[in-house]
């Protein structure tokens, strides 16, 4: 399944969604991401669900690929 970093007319990821995505792509667990960002594990899961809704990314592997694609387009890490 192809991962489209931003389908036409798709809403942009929020700053917090990009932060969560970056940490997940770095290999952190939901619990580690939650600790780093000062949010609950449930909130991390919510952000990931929202990212998956905004993008075609049904698996963690797709999320990592999405993160790398968006990072390459912006030229910087979030």
N, C-alpha and C. Protein backbone atom coordinates (compact mmCIF):
# COMPACT_ATOMS: atom_id res chain seq x y z
N UNK A 1 0.85 -1.18 0.00
CA UNK A 1 0.00 0.00 0.00
C UNK A 1 0.89 1.24 0.00
N UNK A 2 0.74 2.13 -0.95
CA UNK A 2 1.57 3.32 -1.00
C UNK A 2 1.22 4.29 0.13
N UNK A 3 2.25 4.96 0.60
CA UNK A 3 2.04 5.97 1.63
C UNK A 3 2.13 7.32 0.97
N UNK A 4 1.05 8.06 1.05
CA UNK A 4 1.01 9.39 0.47
C UNK A 4 1.27 10.37 1.60
N UNK A 5 2.38 11.11 1.53
CA UNK A 5 2.73 11.99 2.63
C UNK A 5 1.67 13.05 2.88
N UNK A 6 1.03 13.52 1.82
CA UNK A 6 -0.06 14.47 2.00
C UNK A 6 -0.97 14.43 0.79
N UNK A 7 -2.01 13.60 0.87
CA UNK A 7 -2.95 13.54 -0.24
C UNK A 7 -3.56 14.91 -0.49
N UNK A 8 -3.99 15.15 -1.71
CA UNK A 8 -4.63 16.42 -2.03
C UNK A 8 -5.76 16.70 -1.05
N UNK A 9 -5.83 17.95 -0.61
CA UNK A 9 -6.87 18.42 0.29
C UNK A 9 -6.84 17.77 1.67
N UNK A 10 -5.79 17.03 1.99
CA UNK A 10 -5.68 16.43 3.32
C UNK A 10 -5.23 17.50 4.31
N UNK A 11 -5.78 17.47 5.52
CA UNK A 11 -5.36 18.45 6.50
C UNK A 11 -3.91 18.24 6.92
N UNK A 12 -3.24 19.32 7.24
CA UNK A 12 -1.84 19.25 7.68
C UNK A 12 -1.78 18.62 9.06
N UNK A 13 -0.64 18.01 9.36
CA UNK A 13 -0.43 17.49 10.71
C UNK A 13 -0.17 18.66 11.65
N UNK A 14 -0.69 18.55 12.86
CA UNK A 14 -0.43 19.58 13.86
C UNK A 14 1.02 19.45 14.34
N UNK A 15 1.48 20.47 15.03
CA UNK A 15 2.84 20.44 15.57
C UNK A 15 3.02 19.22 16.48
N UNK A 16 2.06 18.97 17.35
CA UNK A 16 2.15 17.85 18.30
C UNK A 16 2.10 16.51 17.56
N UNK A 17 1.28 16.41 16.52
CA UNK A 17 1.24 15.17 15.73
C UNK A 17 2.60 14.92 15.09
N UNK A 18 3.24 15.97 14.58
CA UNK A 18 4.57 15.81 13.99
C UNK A 18 5.59 15.38 15.04
N UNK A 19 5.48 15.94 16.26
CA UNK A 19 6.39 15.54 17.34
C UNK A 19 6.24 14.06 17.66
N UNK A 20 5.00 13.62 17.83
CA UNK A 20 4.74 12.21 18.14
C UNK A 20 5.26 11.33 17.01
N UNK A 21 4.98 11.70 15.79
CA UNK A 21 5.42 10.92 14.63
C UNK A 21 6.94 10.81 14.59
N UNK A 22 7.63 11.90 14.86
CA UNK A 22 9.10 11.90 14.87
C UNK A 22 9.63 10.94 15.93
N UNK A 23 9.07 10.99 17.13
CA UNK A 23 9.54 10.10 18.21
C UNK A 23 9.26 8.63 17.90
N UNK A 24 8.10 8.36 17.32
CA UNK A 24 7.78 6.97 16.95
C UNK A 24 8.77 6.50 15.88
N UNK A 25 9.08 7.36 14.92
CA UNK A 25 10.02 7.01 13.85
C UNK A 25 11.42 6.78 14.42
N UNK A 26 11.74 7.42 15.53
CA UNK A 26 13.03 7.21 16.18
C UNK A 26 13.08 5.90 16.96
N UNK A 27 11.94 5.22 17.04
CA UNK A 27 11.90 3.91 17.69
C UNK A 27 11.43 3.93 19.13
N UNK A 28 10.92 5.06 19.60
CA UNK A 28 10.44 5.13 20.97
C UNK A 28 9.09 4.44 21.10
N UNK A 29 8.84 3.89 22.28
CA UNK A 29 7.55 3.28 22.56
C UNK A 29 6.53 4.37 22.86
N UNK A 30 5.27 4.00 22.89
CA UNK A 30 4.21 4.96 23.23
C UNK A 30 4.47 5.56 24.61
N UNK A 31 4.90 4.71 25.54
CA UNK A 31 5.16 5.17 26.90
C UNK A 31 6.32 6.16 26.94
N UNK A 32 7.38 5.90 26.19
CA UNK A 32 8.52 6.80 26.14
C UNK A 32 8.15 8.14 25.51
N UNK A 33 7.37 8.09 24.44
CA UNK A 33 6.91 9.32 23.78
C UNK A 33 6.07 10.14 24.77
N UNK A 34 5.17 9.47 25.47
CA UNK A 34 4.32 10.14 26.44
C UNK A 34 5.15 10.84 27.50
N UNK A 35 6.15 10.15 28.02
CA UNK A 35 7.01 10.75 29.05
C UNK A 35 7.75 11.96 28.51
N UNK A 36 8.32 11.83 27.33
CA UNK A 36 9.08 12.95 26.75
C UNK A 36 8.23 14.18 26.50
N UNK A 37 6.99 13.96 26.09
CA UNK A 37 6.13 15.09 25.75
C UNK A 37 5.23 15.54 26.90
N UNK A 38 5.25 14.80 28.01
CA UNK A 38 4.44 15.16 29.15
C UNK A 38 2.95 14.96 28.92
N UNK A 39 2.62 13.89 28.18
CA UNK A 39 1.23 13.56 27.89
C UNK A 39 0.99 12.09 28.26
N UNK A 40 -0.25 11.66 28.21
CA UNK A 40 -0.55 10.27 28.56
C UNK A 40 -0.31 9.35 27.35
N UNK A 41 -0.16 8.07 27.65
CA UNK A 41 -0.01 7.07 26.60
C UNK A 41 -1.27 7.07 25.71
N UNK A 42 -2.42 7.25 26.33
CA UNK A 42 -3.68 7.30 25.58
C UNK A 42 -3.64 8.46 24.57
N UNK A 43 -3.09 9.59 24.98
CA UNK A 43 -3.02 10.75 24.09
C UNK A 43 -2.08 10.47 22.92
N UNK A 44 -0.97 9.77 23.18
CA UNK A 44 -0.07 9.38 22.10
C UNK A 44 -0.83 8.53 21.09
N UNK A 45 -1.58 7.57 21.57
CA UNK A 45 -2.37 6.70 20.68
C UNK A 45 -3.39 7.52 19.89
N UNK A 46 -3.98 8.50 20.54
CA UNK A 46 -4.95 9.37 19.86
C UNK A 46 -4.29 10.15 18.74
N UNK A 47 -3.12 10.72 19.01
CA UNK A 47 -2.40 11.46 17.96
C UNK A 47 -2.06 10.54 16.79
N UNK A 48 -1.61 9.32 17.08
CA UNK A 48 -1.27 8.38 16.00
C UNK A 48 -2.52 8.00 15.20
N UNK A 49 -3.64 7.84 15.87
CA UNK A 49 -4.88 7.53 15.16
C UNK A 49 -5.27 8.69 14.25
N UNK A 50 -5.10 9.91 14.73
CA UNK A 50 -5.41 11.08 13.90
C UNK A 50 -4.48 11.17 12.69
N UNK A 51 -3.20 10.86 12.91
CA UNK A 51 -2.24 10.88 11.79
C UNK A 51 -2.66 9.84 10.75
N UNK A 52 -3.02 8.66 11.21
CA UNK A 52 -3.44 7.60 10.29
C UNK A 52 -4.70 7.99 9.52
N UNK A 53 -5.56 8.76 10.15
CA UNK A 53 -6.77 9.23 9.49
C UNK A 53 -6.45 10.27 8.43
N UNK A 54 -5.50 11.15 8.74
CA UNK A 54 -5.13 12.22 7.81
C UNK A 54 -4.28 11.70 6.65
N UNK A 55 -3.57 10.61 6.87
CA UNK A 55 -2.67 10.06 5.86
C UNK A 55 -2.99 8.59 5.64
N UNK A 56 -2.51 8.04 4.56
CA UNK A 56 -2.66 6.61 4.32
C UNK A 56 -1.49 5.90 4.99
N UNK A 57 -1.66 5.58 6.27
CA UNK A 57 -0.57 4.97 7.03
C UNK A 57 -1.15 3.98 8.05
N UNK A 58 -1.52 2.79 7.61
CA UNK A 58 -2.18 1.84 8.49
C UNK A 58 -1.26 1.12 9.49
N UNK A 59 0.04 1.16 9.28
CA UNK A 59 0.96 0.43 10.16
C UNK A 59 2.06 1.36 10.67
N UNK A 60 2.80 0.88 11.66
CA UNK A 60 3.94 1.66 12.18
C UNK A 60 4.98 1.84 11.09
N UNK A 61 5.20 0.84 10.28
CA UNK A 61 6.17 0.97 9.18
C UNK A 61 5.76 2.10 8.24
N UNK A 62 4.48 2.20 7.95
CA UNK A 62 3.99 3.29 7.10
C UNK A 62 4.18 4.64 7.79
N UNK A 63 3.96 4.67 9.10
CA UNK A 63 4.15 5.92 9.84
C UNK A 63 5.62 6.37 9.79
N UNK A 64 6.53 5.43 9.90
CA UNK A 64 7.96 5.76 9.84
C UNK A 64 8.30 6.29 8.46
N UNK A 65 7.81 5.63 7.44
CA UNK A 65 8.06 6.10 6.08
C UNK A 65 7.47 7.49 5.87
N UNK A 66 6.29 7.72 6.40
CA UNK A 66 5.65 9.03 6.33
C UNK A 66 6.53 10.08 7.01
N UNK A 67 7.05 9.74 8.17
CA UNK A 67 7.90 10.67 8.91
C UNK A 67 9.13 11.04 8.10
N UNK A 68 9.76 10.05 7.50
CA UNK A 68 10.96 10.30 6.69
C UNK A 68 10.64 11.14 5.47
N UNK A 69 9.50 10.87 4.85
CA UNK A 69 9.08 11.63 3.67
C UNK A 69 8.81 13.09 4.03
N UNK A 70 8.09 13.30 5.11
CA UNK A 70 7.78 14.68 5.52
C UNK A 70 9.03 15.42 5.98
N UNK A 71 9.92 14.71 6.66
CA UNK A 71 11.18 15.32 7.10
C UNK A 71 12.02 15.75 5.90
N UNK A 72 12.07 14.92 4.87
CA UNK A 72 12.83 15.25 3.68
C UNK A 72 12.25 16.47 2.97
N UNK A 73 10.91 16.58 2.97
CA UNK A 73 10.28 17.72 2.31
C UNK A 73 10.53 19.02 3.06
N UNK A 74 10.54 18.96 4.40
CA UNK A 74 10.74 20.18 5.18
C UNK A 74 12.21 20.48 5.40
N UNK A 75 13.04 19.46 5.28
CA UNK A 75 14.47 19.65 5.46
C UNK A 75 14.91 19.80 6.90
N UNK A 76 14.01 19.51 7.85
CA UNK A 76 14.34 19.64 9.25
C UNK A 76 13.50 18.70 10.08
N UNK A 77 14.05 18.34 11.24
CA UNK A 77 13.32 17.54 12.18
C UNK A 77 12.44 18.42 13.05
N UNK A 78 11.32 17.85 13.51
CA UNK A 78 10.41 18.61 14.39
C UNK A 78 10.71 18.33 15.82
